[in-house]
Amino acid sequence: MRKDPVDAAADESEGAKRLSILAVEENTLAELEAALQRIEAGTYGICEATGRRIPSARLRAIPWARFTAGAEQALEEKQGGA
């Protein structure tokens, strides 16, 4: 028996949503693991682009931050313009 097209579309949409959530979770886990490696290396809290300290407020909000807010914005603008 064939599935109703509406049900099939809903199932496909739900599957795509789950894959998207999984991708976000995998990326977050990878960023957390990288932050733990930076802690072990003694480089946690140091901007990878500028070498400056990342403000503690930013690290509290985004514990895996690799860049200061300004450096991250500049990188995003550069990538967006490429």
C-alpha atoms as a PDB file:
ATOM      1  CA  MET A   1       0.000   0.000   0.000  1.00  0.00           C
ATOM      2  CA  ARG A   2       1.355   3.424  -0.970  1.00  0.00           C
ATOM      3  CA  LYS A   3       1.639   6.207   1.542  1.00  0.00           C
ATOM      4  CA  ASP A   4      -0.529   9.245   1.239  1.00  0.00           C
ATOM      5  CA  PRO A   5       1.576  12.023  -0.420  1.00  0.00           C
ATOM      6  CA  VAL A   6       0.859  14.403   2.442  1.00  0.00           C
ATOM      7  CA  ASP A   7       2.015  11.834   5.017  1.00  0.00           C
ATOM      8  CA  ALA A   8       5.107  11.049   2.944  1.00  0.00           C
ATOM      9  CA  ALA A   9       5.982  14.752   2.712  1.00  0.00           C
ATOM     10  CA  ALA A  10       5.481  15.186   6.464  1.00  0.00           C
ATOM     11  CA  ASP A  11       7.733  12.185   7.169  1.00  0.00           C
ATOM     12  CA  GLU A  12      10.394  13.554   4.837  1.00  0.00           C
ATOM     13  CA  SER A  13      10.202  16.979   6.461  1.00  0.00           C
ATOM     14  CA  GLU A  14      10.498  15.450   9.934  1.00  0.00           C
ATOM     15  CA  GLY A  15      13.509  13.410   8.823  1.00  0.00           C
ATOM     16  CA  ALA A  16      15.217  16.499   7.417  1.00  0.00           C
ATOM     17  CA  LYS A  17      14.544  18.365  10.653  1.00  0.00           C
ATOM     18  CA  ARG A  18      16.080  15.538  12.698  1.00  0.00           C
ATOM     19  CA  LEU A  19      19.163  15.457  10.464  1.00  0.00           C
ATOM     20  CA  SER A  20      19.566  19.206  10.882  1.00  0.00           C
ATOM     21  CA  ILE A  21      19.346  18.943  14.670  1.00  0.00           C
ATOM     22  CA  LEU A  22      21.857  16.093  14.656  1.00  0.00           C
ATOM     23  CA  ALA A  23      24.304  18.149  12.571  1.00  0.00           C
ATOM     24  CA  VAL A  24      24.060  21.059  15.025  1.00  0.00           C
ATOM     25  CA  GLU A  25      24.594  18.722  17.973  1.00  0.00           C
ATOM     26  CA  GLU A  26      27.606  17.081  16.309  1.00  0.00           C
ATOM     27  CA  ASN A  27      29.126  20.489  15.583  1.00  0.00           C
ATOM     28  CA  THR A  28      28.585  21.621  19.175  1.00  0.00           C
ATOM     29  CA  LEU A  29      30.201  18.451  20.492  1.00  0.00           C
ATOM     30  CA  ALA A  30      33.210  18.947  18.194  1.00  0.00           C
ATOM     31  CA  GLU A  31      33.575  22.553  19.387  1.00  0.00           C
ATOM     32  CA  LEU A  32      33.398  21.446  23.039  1.00  0.00           C
ATOM     33  CA  GLU A  33      36.030  18.767  22.452  1.00  0.00           C
ATOM     34  CA  ALA A  34      38.275  21.350  20.773  1.00  0.00           C
ATOM     35  CA  ALA A  35      37.782  23.676  23.769  1.00  0.00           C
ATOM     36  CA  LEU A  36      38.861  20.878  26.113  1.00  0.00           C
ATOM     37  CA  GLN A  37      41.983  20.387  23.995  1.00  0.00           C
ATOM     38  CA  ARG A  38      42.719  24.117  24.252  1.00  0.00           C
ATOM     39  CA  ILE A  39      42.342  23.890  28.034  1.00  0.00           C
ATOM     40  CA  GLU A  40      44.872  21.044  28.091  1.00  0.00           C
ATOM     41  CA  ALA A  41      47.214  23.007  25.817  1.00  0.00           C
ATOM     42  CA  GLY A  42      46.880  26.156  27.916  1.00  0.00           C
ATOM     43  CA  THR A  43      45.427  28.182  25.048  1.00  0.00           C
ATOM     44  CA  TYR A  44      41.785  28.288  26.162  1.00  0.00           C
ATOM     45  CA  GLY A  45      40.445  31.835  26.219  1.00  0.00           C
ATOM     46  CA  ILE A  46      43.000  33.126  23.702  1.00  0.00           C
ATOM     47  CA  CYS A  47      41.656  34.347  20.355  1.00  0.00           C
ATOM     48  CA  GLU A  48      42.997  32.183  17.532  1.00  0.00           C
ATOM     49  CA  ALA A  49      42.975  35.148  15.158  1.00  0.00           C
ATOM     50  CA  THR A  50      44.435  37.936  17.284  1.00  0.00           C
ATOM     51  CA  GLY A  51      46.164  36.239  20.214  1.00  0.00           C
ATOM     52  CA  ARG A  52      44.200  38.461  22.606  1.00  0.00           C
ATOM     53  CA  ARG A  53      42.234  37.250  25.602  1.00  0.00           C
ATOM     54  CA  ILE A  54      38.601  36.400  24.940  1.00  0.00           C
ATOM     55  CA  PRO A  55      36.464  38.277  27.497  1.00  0.00           C
ATOM     56  CA  SER A  56      35.159  36.043  30.275  1.00  0.00           C
ATOM     57  CA  ALA A  57      31.576  37.160  29.597  1.00  0.00           C
ATOM     58  CA  ARG A  58      31.881  35.780  26.066  1.00  0.00           C
ATOM     59  CA  LEU A  59      33.334  32.518  27.349  1.00  0.00           C
ATOM     60  CA  ARG A  60      30.475  32.189  29.846  1.00  0.00           C
ATOM     61  CA  ALA A  61      27.993  32.666  27.016  1.00  0.00           C
ATOM     62  CA  ILE A  62      29.891  30.528  24.482  1.00  0.00           C
ATOM     63  CA  PRO A  63      32.327  28.268  26.359  1.00  0.00           C
ATOM     64  CA  TRP A  64      33.823  26.936  23.119  1.00  0.00           C
ATOM     65  CA  ALA A  65      34.512  30.396  21.630  1.00  0.00           C
ATOM     66  CA  ARG A  66      37.747  30.436  19.632  1.00  0.00           C
ATOM     67  CA  PHE A  67      37.675  34.110  18.719  1.00  0.00           C
ATOM     68  CA  THR A  68      36.843  37.457  20.267  1.00  0.00           C
ATOM     69  CA  ALA A  69      33.512  38.809  19.038  1.00  0.00           C
ATOM     70  CA  GLY A  70      35.271  41.362  16.832  1.00  0.00           C
ATOM     71  CA  ALA A  71      37.584  38.796  15.258  1.00  0.00           C
ATOM     72  CA  GLU A  72      34.705  36.411  14.622  1.00  0.00           C
ATOM     73  CA  GLN A  73      32.648  39.160  13.003  1.00  0.00           C
ATOM     74  CA  ALA A  74      35.580  40.110  10.759  1.00  0.00           C
ATOM     75  CA  LEU A  75      36.024  36.476   9.718  1.00  0.00           C
ATOM     76  CA  GLU A  76      32.325  36.116   8.943  1.00  0.00           C
ATOM     77  CA  GLU A  77      32.348  39.306   6.868  1.00  0.00           C
ATOM     78  CA  LYS A  78      35.429  38.114   4.995  1.00  0.00           C
ATOM     79  CA  GLN A  79      33.829  34.734   4.285  1.00  0.00           C
ATOM     80  CA  GLY A  80      30.568  36.352   3.243  1.00  0.00           C
ATOM     81  CA  GLY A  81      32.353  38.635   0.805  1.00  0.00           C
ATOM     82  CA  ALA A  82      34.405  35.852  -0.795  1.00  0.00           C
END
